[in-house]
């Protein structure tokens, strides 16, 4: 099984590298953007293209979203031409408004922002033009390394004496990026072995919290894990709540991925401890109980 990923710095890419490293039945090619991916496909055969989610698409200008659209559409055309699977991960930001109920896979996002509308159009186009596709809508991802991960920016900011701003009106169920990587790999292998289960799936963590509550949990974990001398620059007010209006709940219903592929939602608090400790270790910051590190 050969995987092609057109973003070699994304946190999901690095997590997939870790998941596949001990395996002998999966090879990965990490491309640096669309041109590099197309050059690879001109000379080699891949079985599946995996496209990681855009990082904070709600903050990006329309031109960047359009570039991502070109990447998805071009690689989708390559998948059709070469009969490859397409796995595209999309962030929760598509569901821009508040939803009191669990969001099902059948619900079509109707964002108001032009950039997010473009992403929703790409979703529809993928579903329409290539049946061998899997779209995975994900909740907020966190991990210890790679682009798009929440933890490194927060942790480095605190240790540099900066205050982190977190929204206390936005509720999500955070998802460890390694859990998403395991899910992607498990789905691909089942599909490669004859499962006929294409379409859209949701995956999130198990416990919904506000972004502010999640940041507070990260801070508590940092205080419990780092040696006191490493926390001298920690500001007295480490987190500031910023409500951007009325409450927005984006809780993804994940029953379909469980019933189809046997993939369970993951609790996020224990993986959070692992990723905070790992980030500190990667940056040479002493931690309590050094012997407990598991890399």
Protein backbone atom coordinates (compact mmCIF):
# COMPACT_ATOMS: atom_id res chain seq x y z
CA UNK A 1 0.00 0.00 0.00
CA UNK A 2 1.54 3.30 -1.13
CA UNK A 3 0.29 6.60 0.33
CA UNK A 4 0.93 9.99 -1.22
CA UNK A 5 0.51 13.05 1.02
CA UNK A 6 0.92 16.50 -0.58
CA UNK A 7 1.84 18.31 2.67
CA UNK A 8 5.03 17.10 4.31
CA UNK A 9 4.86 19.43 7.33
CA UNK A 10 1.30 18.96 8.56
CA UNK A 11 0.77 17.40 11.98
CA UNK A 12 -1.37 14.64 10.43
CA UNK A 13 1.43 13.78 8.01
CA UNK A 14 3.93 13.42 10.83
CA UNK A 15 1.47 11.34 12.86
CA UNK A 16 0.92 9.03 9.88
CA UNK A 17 4.69 8.67 9.59
CA UNK A 18 4.83 7.49 13.20
CA UNK A 19 1.92 5.09 12.71
CA UNK A 20 3.36 3.51 9.57
CA UNK A 21 7.03 3.41 10.65
CA UNK A 22 6.85 -0.07 12.28
CA UNK A 23 4.74 -1.52 9.44
CA UNK A 24 6.04 -3.32 6.35
CA UNK A 25 2.79 -3.18 4.36
CA UNK A 26 2.54 0.63 4.02
CA UNK A 27 4.90 3.04 2.24
CA UNK A 28 4.55 6.82 2.26
CA UNK A 29 5.67 9.55 -0.10
CA UNK A 30 5.60 13.01 1.44
CA UNK A 31 5.32 15.72 -1.20
CA UNK A 32 6.01 19.42 -0.79
CA UNK A 33 2.85 20.75 -2.41
CA UNK A 34 0.92 20.02 -5.59
CA UNK A 35 3.78 20.21 -8.12
CA UNK A 36 5.91 17.78 -6.14
CA UNK A 37 2.94 15.40 -5.79
CA UNK A 38 2.25 15.47 -9.55
CA UNK A 39 5.92 14.87 -10.31
CA UNK A 40 5.79 11.79 -8.10
CA UNK A 41 2.68 10.49 -9.85
CA UNK A 42 4.36 10.95 -13.24
CA UNK A 43 7.02 8.43 -12.24
CA UNK A 44 5.44 6.24 -9.57
CA UNK A 45 2.18 4.55 -8.69
CA UNK A 46 0.28 5.34 -5.49
CA UNK A 47 -2.74 3.53 -4.09
CA UNK A 48 -4.20 6.42 -2.12
CA UNK A 49 -3.83 10.19 -1.85
CA UNK A 50 -4.35 11.61 1.66
CA UNK A 51 -4.96 15.37 1.91
CA UNK A 52 -4.65 16.84 5.44
CA UNK A 53 -7.11 19.52 6.58
CA UNK A 54 -6.43 23.19 6.01
CA UNK A 55 -5.14 25.01 9.09
CA UNK A 56 -7.71 27.49 10.46
CA UNK A 57 -9.53 28.02 7.15
CA UNK A 58 -11.80 30.58 8.80
CA UNK A 59 -8.77 32.89 9.11
CA UNK A 60 -7.44 32.40 5.58
CA UNK A 61 -8.01 34.71 2.62
CA UNK A 62 -10.08 33.40 -0.24
CA UNK A 63 -6.99 33.15 -2.46
CA UNK A 64 -5.43 30.53 -0.15
CA UNK A 65 -8.67 28.53 -0.09
CA UNK A 66 -8.75 28.68 -3.89
CA UNK A 67 -5.20 27.31 -4.04
CA UNK A 68 -6.30 24.43 -1.81
CA UNK A 69 -9.29 23.90 -4.11
CA UNK A 70 -6.93 23.57 -7.08
CA UNK A 71 -4.86 21.02 -5.15
CA UNK A 72 -7.90 18.93 -4.23
CA UNK A 73 -9.46 19.11 -7.71
CA UNK A 74 -6.17 18.30 -9.47
CA UNK A 75 -5.39 15.34 -7.24
CA UNK A 76 -8.97 14.13 -7.52
CA UNK A 77 -8.56 14.11 -11.30
CA UNK A 78 -5.34 12.13 -10.88
CA UNK A 79 -7.17 9.66 -8.63
CA UNK A 80 -9.82 9.16 -11.33
CA UNK A 81 -7.21 8.75 -14.08
CA UNK A 82 -5.04 6.32 -12.10
CA UNK A 83 -7.85 4.63 -10.11
CA UNK A 84 -6.54 5.71 -6.69
CA UNK A 85 -8.43 6.29 -3.46
CA UNK A 86 -8.82 9.87 -2.31
CA UNK A 87 -8.94 10.63 1.43
CA UNK A 88 -9.56 14.30 2.23
CA UNK A 89 -9.75 15.61 5.78
CA UNK A 90 -11.82 18.76 6.40
CA UNK A 91 -11.99 20.82 9.58
CA UNK A 92 -15.07 21.52 11.69
CA UNK A 93 -15.01 25.17 10.63
CA UNK A 94 -17.34 24.40 7.72
CA UNK A 95 -20.17 24.27 10.27
CA UNK A 96 -19.93 27.96 11.01
CA UNK A 97 -23.18 28.46 12.93
CA UNK A 98 -24.34 27.05 16.25
CA UNK A 99 -25.87 23.55 16.27
CA UNK A 100 -27.64 22.30 19.37
CA UNK A 101 -27.71 18.72 18.07
CA UNK A 102 -24.95 16.31 17.08
CA UNK A 103 -23.94 17.01 13.49
CA UNK A 104 -24.56 14.04 11.20
CA UNK A 105 -22.63 13.21 8.04
CA UNK A 106 -25.69 13.89 5.92
CA UNK A 107 -25.87 17.53 6.97
CA UNK A 108 -24.54 19.91 4.35
CA UNK A 109 -22.47 22.80 5.71
CA UNK A 110 -23.87 26.23 4.86
CA UNK A 111 -21.17 28.66 5.96
CA UNK A 112 -21.58 32.40 5.54
CA UNK A 113 -17.94 33.36 4.90
CA UNK A 114 -16.92 33.26 1.23
CA UNK A 115 -13.73 31.28 1.94
CA UNK A 116 -15.64 28.58 3.84
CA UNK A 117 -18.30 28.50 1.12
CA UNK A 118 -15.52 27.62 -1.32
CA UNK A 119 -14.47 24.71 0.89
CA UNK A 120 -18.07 23.47 1.01
CA UNK A 121 -18.17 23.62 -2.79
CA UNK A 122 -15.04 21.46 -2.97
CA UNK A 123 -16.72 18.92 -0.69
CA UNK A 124 -19.71 18.69 -3.00
CA UNK A 125 -17.49 18.38 -6.07
CA UNK A 126 -15.48 15.53 -4.57
CA UNK A 127 -18.66 13.61 -3.74
CA UNK A 128 -20.03 14.20 -7.22
CA UNK A 129 -17.02 13.40 -9.40
CA UNK A 130 -15.17 10.44 -7.85
CA UNK A 131 -16.86 7.59 -6.03
CA UNK A 132 -13.66 6.16 -4.50
CA UNK A 133 -13.42 8.97 -1.99
CA UNK A 134 -13.51 9.32 1.77
CA UNK A 135 -14.13 12.74 3.31
CA UNK A 136 -13.33 12.88 7.03
CA UNK A 137 -14.70 15.89 8.85
CA UNK A 138 -12.64 16.35 11.99
CA UNK A 139 -12.88 18.28 15.21
CA UNK A 140 -10.03 20.49 16.52
CA UNK A 141 -6.74 18.58 16.18
CA UNK A 142 -3.94 18.69 18.70
CA UNK A 143 -0.48 17.15 18.76
CA UNK A 144 3.09 17.85 19.76
CA UNK A 145 4.54 18.70 16.35
CA UNK A 146 3.67 19.74 12.84
CA UNK A 147 1.67 22.47 11.17
CA UNK A 148 -1.93 22.90 12.30
CA UNK A 149 -1.49 21.61 15.84
CA UNK A 150 -2.77 23.73 18.73
CA UNK A 151 -0.30 22.74 21.44
CA UNK A 152 3.11 23.96 20.19
CA UNK A 153 1.98 27.58 19.77
CA UNK A 154 0.28 27.64 23.18
CA UNK A 155 3.14 25.98 25.05
CA UNK A 156 5.90 28.05 23.46
CA UNK A 157 3.88 31.21 24.07
CA UNK A 158 3.41 30.51 27.77
CA UNK A 159 7.08 29.63 28.30
CA UNK A 160 8.00 32.91 26.60
CA UNK A 161 5.77 34.85 29.01
CA UNK A 162 2.88 35.42 26.60
CA UNK A 163 -0.84 35.28 27.36
CA UNK A 164 -3.00 32.93 25.29
CA UNK A 165 -6.41 34.08 24.09
CA UNK A 166 -9.09 31.36 23.92
CA UNK A 167 -12.74 31.51 22.92
CA UNK A 168 -15.12 30.54 25.72
CA UNK A 169 -18.15 30.52 23.40
CA UNK A 170 -16.92 27.88 20.90
CA UNK A 171 -17.51 24.27 21.98
CA UNK A 172 -15.71 21.36 20.32
CA UNK A 173 -14.56 17.83 21.14
CA UNK A 174 -10.74 17.96 20.68
CA UNK A 175 -9.15 15.11 18.74
CA UNK A 176 -5.56 13.82 19.18
CA UNK A 177 -3.92 13.87 15.76
CA UNK A 178 -2.48 10.39 16.28
CA UNK A 179 -6.04 9.09 16.74
CA UNK A 180 -6.95 10.60 13.38
CA UNK A 181 -3.85 9.03 11.82
CA UNK A 182 -4.81 5.59 13.15
CA UNK A 183 -8.35 6.06 11.84
CA UNK A 184 -7.15 7.11 8.37
CA UNK A 185 -4.80 4.13 8.18
CA UNK A 186 -7.44 1.69 9.41
CA UNK A 187 -10.02 2.95 6.93
CA UNK A 188 -7.58 2.79 4.02
CA UNK A 189 -6.56 -0.76 4.82
CA UNK A 190 -10.18 -1.91 5.13
CA UNK A 191 -11.09 -0.24 1.84
CA UNK A 192 -8.06 -1.80 0.15
CA UNK A 193 -9.23 -5.19 1.37
CA UNK A 194 -12.64 -4.92 -0.25
CA UNK A 195 -14.76 -2.80 2.07
CA UNK A 196 -17.29 -0.88 -0.01
CA UNK A 197 -17.72 2.09 2.29
CA UNK A 198 -17.04 5.33 0.50
CA UNK A 199 -18.44 8.71 1.47
CA UNK A 200 -18.36 11.21 4.32
CA UNK A 201 -17.49 10.37 7.93
CA UNK A 202 -17.06 12.31 11.15
CA UNK A 203 -14.36 11.87 13.81
CA UNK A 204 -13.92 13.87 16.97
CA UNK A 205 -12.85 13.42 20.56
CA UNK A 206 -15.24 12.15 23.20
CA UNK A 207 -15.64 15.08 25.59
CA UNK A 208 -16.91 18.46 24.29
CA UNK A 209 -15.39 21.53 25.93
CA UNK A 210 -15.00 25.18 25.07
CA UNK A 211 -11.71 26.30 23.55
CA UNK A 212 -11.07 28.18 26.81
CA UNK A 213 -11.60 25.02 28.89
CA UNK A 214 -9.25 23.09 26.61
CA UNK A 215 -6.57 25.77 26.93
CA UNK A 216 -6.99 25.63 30.72
CA UNK A 217 -6.48 21.85 30.60
CA UNK A 218 -3.31 22.33 28.54
CA UNK A 219 -2.02 24.89 31.03
CA UNK A 220 -2.76 22.61 33.99
CA UNK A 221 -0.93 19.78 32.25
CA UNK A 222 2.06 22.03 31.56
CA UNK A 223 2.22 23.05 35.24
CA UNK A 224 2.03 19.40 36.33
CA UNK A 225 4.62 18.20 33.83
CA UNK A 226 7.38 20.82 33.49
CA UNK A 227 9.95 21.38 36.21
CA UNK A 228 9.24 24.59 38.20
CA UNK A 229 12.37 26.33 36.88
CA UNK A 230 10.99 26.04 33.34
CA UNK A 231 7.83 27.94 34.32
CA UNK A 232 9.42 31.11 35.70
CA UNK A 233 8.27 33.19 32.70
CA UNK A 234 4.69 31.94 32.88
CA UNK A 235 2.46 35.04 33.05
CA UNK A 236 0.21 35.56 36.04
CA UNK A 237 -2.78 35.71 33.68
CA UNK A 238 -1.91 32.91 31.28
CA UNK A 239 -5.29 32.66 29.49
CA UNK A 240 -7.75 35.36 28.57
CA UNK A 241 -11.29 34.37 27.59
CA UNK A 242 -12.51 35.91 24.38
CA UNK A 243 -16.14 35.40 23.46
CA UNK A 244 -16.78 36.16 19.82
CA UNK A 245 -20.56 36.42 20.22
CA UNK A 246 -23.20 33.84 20.99
CA UNK A 247 -22.43 30.22 21.78
CA UNK A 248 -21.32 28.06 18.85
CA UNK A 249 -21.45 24.28 19.28
CA UNK A 250 -19.78 22.10 16.65
CA UNK A 251 -20.10 18.58 18.04
CA UNK A 252 -19.70 15.94 15.38
CA UNK A 253 -21.79 12.79 15.55
CA UNK A 254 -19.45 9.84 14.97
CA UNK A 255 -21.80 6.85 14.85
CA UNK A 256 -21.27 6.16 11.15
CA UNK A 257 -17.51 5.69 11.38
CA UNK A 258 -18.03 3.35 14.36
CA UNK A 259 -20.67 1.23 12.64
CA UNK A 260 -18.82 1.12 9.30
CA UNK A 261 -15.16 0.79 10.28
CA UNK A 262 -15.28 0.01 14.01
CA UNK A 263 -13.45 3.24 14.86
CA UNK A 264 -14.24 4.66 18.30
CA UNK A 265 -13.99 8.23 19.46
CA UNK A 266 -10.95 8.92 21.62
CA UNK A 267 -10.86 10.57 25.03
CA UNK A 268 -8.46 13.53 24.81
CA UNK A 269 -7.23 14.15 28.37
CA UNK A 270 -4.73 11.28 28.59
CA UNK A 271 -3.30 11.89 25.08
CA UNK A 272 -2.99 15.57 26.03
CA UNK A 273 -0.62 14.63 28.87
CA UNK A 274 1.45 12.54 26.47
CA UNK A 275 1.71 15.30 23.86
CA UNK A 276 2.59 18.03 26.37
CA UNK A 277 5.33 15.85 27.86
CA UNK A 278 6.57 14.92 24.40
CA UNK A 279 6.70 18.56 23.28
CA UNK A 280 8.68 19.51 26.37
CA UNK A 281 11.09 16.63 25.80
CA UNK A 282 11.54 17.53 22.12
CA UNK A 283 12.52 21.08 23.14
CA UNK A 284 14.92 20.02 25.89
CA UNK A 285 12.72 21.33 28.70
CA UNK A 286 13.10 19.26 31.89
CA UNK A 287 10.01 17.45 33.12
CA UNK A 288 9.00 15.83 36.36
CA UNK A 289 9.39 12.02 36.42
CA UNK A 290 11.67 11.99 33.38
CA UNK A 291 11.57 8.22 33.37
CA UNK A 292 7.89 8.32 32.47
CA UNK A 293 8.60 9.79 29.03
CA UNK A 294 7.23 7.58 26.26
CA UNK A 295 8.25 8.75 22.82
